[in-house]
Amino acid sequence: MSGEPNDEELEKLRQEKMEQLQEQGGQGQGQGVDEEAMEAQREQREAQKKAMLRKHLTDEARKRLNTVQMSKPEFGEQVEQQVLALAQSGRIQGKIDDEKMKQLLEKLQPDKKSFDIQRR
């Protein structure tokens, strides 16, 4: 052999490379479908969450919750989860109004540390 592949060997290598690329392409497409399905499930959960909040919160309470979420996203998410948990457990009678939302926010808000500086 002269070290150069002949036509049959080249064709065999090309065929193997094509099969590898097709396998990789199939795997990539499968991941895209999984991501789309996960995104659809996430959107569906989000829609269910919003519907449940609409059902159990008055307009004023929803506005207050949205304001909290805009200023403190983590705390807003925590409050939202608490409201959903209360609703799912059946511990909410009627709707949560603005006053009840204020009370809930005060209970869930972490204690603020105050510093009293005294000069001597």
C-alpha atoms as a PDB file:
ATOM      1  CA  MET A   1       0.000   0.000   0.000  1.00  0.00           C
ATOM      2  CA  SER A   2       1.164   3.441  -0.806  1.00  0.00           C
ATOM      3  CA  GLY A   3      -0.434   5.047   2.258  1.00  0.00           C
ATOM      4  CA  GLU A   4      -3.236   6.715   0.312  1.00  0.00           C
ATOM      5  CA  PRO A   5      -6.729   5.230   0.704  1.00  0.00           C
ATOM      6  CA  ASN A   6      -8.340   3.900  -2.428  1.00  0.00           C
ATOM      7  CA  ASP A   7     -11.861   4.769  -3.588  1.00  0.00           C
ATOM      8  CA  GLU A   8     -13.509   1.881  -1.693  1.00  0.00           C
ATOM      9  CA  GLU A   9     -11.883   2.882   1.607  1.00  0.00           C
ATOM     10  CA  LEU A  10     -12.821   6.535   1.084  1.00  0.00           C
ATOM     11  CA  GLU A  11     -16.415   5.600   0.367  1.00  0.00           C
ATOM     12  CA  LYS A  12     -16.531   3.407   3.473  1.00  0.00           C
ATOM     13  CA  LEU A  13     -15.139   6.241   5.645  1.00  0.00           C
ATOM     14  CA  ARG A  14     -17.632   8.698   4.149  1.00  0.00           C
ATOM     15  CA  GLN A  15     -20.515   6.316   4.842  1.00  0.00           C
ATOM     16  CA  GLU A  16     -19.433   5.836   8.466  1.00  0.00           C
ATOM     17  CA  LYS A  17     -19.108   9.602   8.931  1.00  0.00           C
ATOM     18  CA  MET A  18     -22.585  10.168   7.439  1.00  0.00           C
ATOM     19  CA  GLU A  19     -24.089   7.595   9.815  1.00  0.00           C
ATOM     20  CA  GLN A  20     -22.417   9.304  12.786  1.00  0.00           C
ATOM     21  CA  LEU A  21     -23.725  12.714  11.702  1.00  0.00           C
ATOM     22  CA  GLN A  22     -27.245  11.349  11.208  1.00  0.00           C
ATOM     23  CA  GLU A  23     -27.190   9.806  14.683  1.00  0.00           C
ATOM     24  CA  GLN A  24     -26.013  13.064  16.210  1.00  0.00           C
ATOM     25  CA  GLY A  25     -28.615  15.011  14.249  1.00  0.00           C
ATOM     26  CA  GLY A  26     -31.354  12.700  15.474  1.00  0.00           C
ATOM     27  CA  GLN A  27     -30.228  13.158  19.054  1.00  0.00           C
ATOM     28  CA  GLY A  28     -30.178  16.935  18.659  1.00  0.00           C
ATOM     29  CA  GLN A  29     -33.702  16.944  17.276  1.00  0.00           C
ATOM     30  CA  GLY A  30     -34.878  14.766  20.142  1.00  0.00           C
ATOM     31  CA  GLN A  31     -33.492  17.252  22.632  1.00  0.00           C
ATOM     32  CA  GLY A  32     -35.335  20.069  20.856  1.00  0.00           C
ATOM     33  CA  VAL A  33     -38.609  18.198  21.200  1.00  0.00           C
ATOM     34  CA  ASP A  34     -37.936  17.559  24.899  1.00  0.00           C
ATOM     35  CA  GLU A  35     -37.173  21.224  25.468  1.00  0.00           C
ATOM     36  CA  GLU A  36     -40.387  22.224  23.681  1.00  0.00           C
ATOM     37  CA  ALA A  37     -42.410  19.787  25.784  1.00  0.00           C
ATOM     38  CA  MET A  38     -40.804  21.057  28.994  1.00  0.00           C
ATOM     39  CA  GLU A  39     -41.506  24.651  27.947  1.00  0.00           C
ATOM     40  CA  ALA A  40     -45.130  23.791  27.211  1.00  0.00           C
ATOM     41  CA  GLN A  41     -45.498  22.131  30.628  1.00  0.00           C
ATOM     42  CA  ARG A  42     -43.927  25.149  32.329  1.00  0.00           C
ATOM     43  CA  GLU A  43     -46.311  27.514  30.536  1.00  0.00           C
ATOM     44  CA  GLN A  44     -49.262  25.324  31.498  1.00  0.00           C
ATOM     45  CA  ARG A  45     -48.223  25.325  35.186  1.00  0.00           C
ATOM     46  CA  GLU A  46     -47.797  29.099  35.042  1.00  0.00           C
ATOM     47  CA  ALA A  47     -51.271  29.510  33.544  1.00  0.00           C
ATOM     48  CA  GLN A  48     -52.788  27.276  36.242  1.00  0.00           C
ATOM     49  CA  LYS A  49     -51.001  29.273  38.932  1.00  0.00           C
ATOM     50  CA  LYS A  50     -52.290  32.573  37.533  1.00  0.00           C
ATOM     51  CA  ALA A  51     -55.839  31.204  37.299  1.00  0.00           C
ATOM     52  CA  MET A  52     -55.729  30.006  40.909  1.00  0.00           C
ATOM     53  CA  LEU A  53     -54.424  33.381  42.080  1.00  0.00           C
ATOM     54  CA  ARG A  54     -57.198  35.160  40.138  1.00  0.00           C
ATOM     55  CA  LYS A  55     -59.723  32.910  41.824  1.00  0.00           C
ATOM     56  CA  HIS A  56     -58.486  33.479  45.386  1.00  0.00           C
ATOM     57  CA  LEU A  57     -57.245  37.101  45.326  1.00  0.00           C
ATOM     58  CA  THR A  58     -59.160  40.337  44.852  1.00  0.00           C
ATOM     59  CA  ASP A  59     -57.879  42.807  42.273  1.00  0.00           C
ATOM     60  CA  GLU A  60     -56.287  44.984  44.954  1.00  0.00           C
ATOM     61  CA  ALA A  61     -54.527  42.012  46.550  1.00  0.00           C
ATOM     62  CA  ARG A  62     -53.212  40.880  43.142  1.00  0.00           C
ATOM     63  CA  LYS A  63     -51.917  44.382  42.458  1.00  0.00           C
ATOM     64  CA  ARG A  64     -50.148  44.421  45.825  1.00  0.00           C
ATOM     65  CA  LEU A  65     -48.608  40.994  45.136  1.00  0.00           C
ATOM     66  CA  ASN A  66     -47.435  42.149  41.695  1.00  0.00           C
ATOM     67  CA  THR A  67     -45.860  45.225  43.251  1.00  0.00           C
ATOM     68  CA  VAL A  68     -44.034  43.084  45.793  1.00  0.00           C
ATOM     69  CA  GLN A  69     -42.834  40.736  43.042  1.00  0.00           C
ATOM     70  CA  MET A  70     -41.450  43.642  41.050  1.00  0.00           C
ATOM     71  CA  SER A  71     -39.556  45.110  43.983  1.00  0.00           C
ATOM     72  CA  LYS A  72     -38.509  41.877  45.703  1.00  0.00           C
ATOM     73  CA  PRO A  73     -38.851  38.923  43.299  1.00  0.00           C
ATOM     74  CA  GLU A  74     -37.751  36.216  45.755  1.00  0.00           C
ATOM     75  CA  PHE A  75     -40.055  37.424  48.499  1.00  0.00           C
ATOM     76  CA  GLY A  76     -42.916  37.845  46.015  1.00  0.00           C
ATOM     77  CA  GLU A  77     -42.456  34.255  44.848  1.00  0.00           C
ATOM     78  CA  GLN A  78     -42.471  33.066  48.453  1.00  0.00           C
ATOM     79  CA  VAL A  79     -45.743  34.913  49.143  1.00  0.00           C
ATOM     80  CA  GLU A  80     -47.259  33.554  45.939  1.00  0.00           C
ATOM     81  CA  GLN A  81     -46.323  29.993  46.914  1.00  0.00           C
ATOM     82  CA  GLN A  82     -47.831  30.533  50.369  1.00  0.00           C
ATOM     83  CA  VAL A  83     -51.113  31.775  48.884  1.00  0.00           C
ATOM     84  CA  LEU A  84     -51.231  28.802  46.510  1.00  0.00           C
ATOM     85  CA  ALA A  85     -50.523  26.374  49.356  1.00  0.00           C
ATOM     86  CA  LEU A  86     -53.324  27.916  51.438  1.00  0.00           C
ATOM     87  CA  ALA A  87     -55.696  27.695  48.483  1.00  0.00           C
ATOM     88  CA  GLN A  88     -54.820  24.080  47.711  1.00  0.00           C
ATOM     89  CA  SER A  89     -55.270  23.041  51.328  1.00  0.00           C
ATOM     90  CA  GLY A  90     -58.696  24.701  51.443  1.00  0.00           C
ATOM     91  CA  ARG A  91     -57.747  27.134  54.210  1.00  0.00           C
ATOM     92  CA  ILE A  92     -58.955  30.190  52.283  1.00  0.00           C
ATOM     93  CA  GLN A  93     -62.586  31.122  52.776  1.00  0.00           C
ATOM     94  CA  GLY A  94     -63.698  33.511  50.063  1.00  0.00           C
ATOM     95  CA  LYS A  95     -61.063  35.745  48.543  1.00  0.00           C
ATOM     96  CA  ILE A  96     -58.009  37.321  50.069  1.00  0.00           C
ATOM     97  CA  ASP A  97     -58.530  41.074  50.056  1.00  0.00           C
ATOM     98  CA  ASP A  98     -55.950  43.821  50.351  1.00  0.00           C
ATOM     99  CA  GLU A  99     -56.050  43.883  54.180  1.00  0.00           C
ATOM    100  CA  LYS A 100     -55.519  40.122  54.450  1.00  0.00           C
ATOM    101  CA  MET A 101     -52.692  40.388  51.903  1.00  0.00           C
ATOM    102  CA  LYS A 102     -51.019  43.065  54.050  1.00  0.00           C
ATOM    103  CA  GLN A 103     -51.278  40.790  57.084  1.00  0.00           C
ATOM    104  CA  LEU A 104     -49.836  37.861  55.144  1.00  0.00           C
ATOM    105  CA  LEU A 105     -46.963  40.016  53.902  1.00  0.00           C
ATOM    106  CA  GLU A 106     -46.179  41.173  57.428  1.00  0.00           C
ATOM    107  CA  LYS A 107     -46.145  37.584  58.716  1.00  0.00           C
ATOM    108  CA  LEU A 108     -43.898  36.329  55.930  1.00  0.00           C
ATOM    109  CA  GLN A 109     -41.544  39.290  55.856  1.00  0.00           C
ATOM    110  CA  PRO A 110     -38.264  38.556  57.563  1.00  0.00           C
ATOM    111  CA  ASP A 111     -37.610  40.524  60.708  1.00  0.00           C
ATOM    112  CA  LYS A 112     -35.856  43.745  59.997  1.00  0.00           C
ATOM    113  CA  LYS A 113     -32.767  44.373  61.979  1.00  0.00           C
ATOM    114  CA  SER A 114     -32.638  47.788  63.492  1.00  0.00           C
ATOM    115  CA  PHE A 115     -29.491  49.412  64.614  1.00  0.00           C
ATOM    116  CA  ASP A 116     -29.622  51.963  67.380  1.00  0.00           C
ATOM    117  CA  ILE A 117     -26.493  54.001  67.388  1.00  0.00           C
ATOM    118  CA  GLN A 118     -25.864  55.883  70.577  1.00  0.00           C
ATOM    119  CA  ARG A 119     -23.132  58.434  70.863  1.00  0.00           C
ATOM    120  CA  ARG A 120     -21.338  58.832  74.140  1.00  0.00           C
END
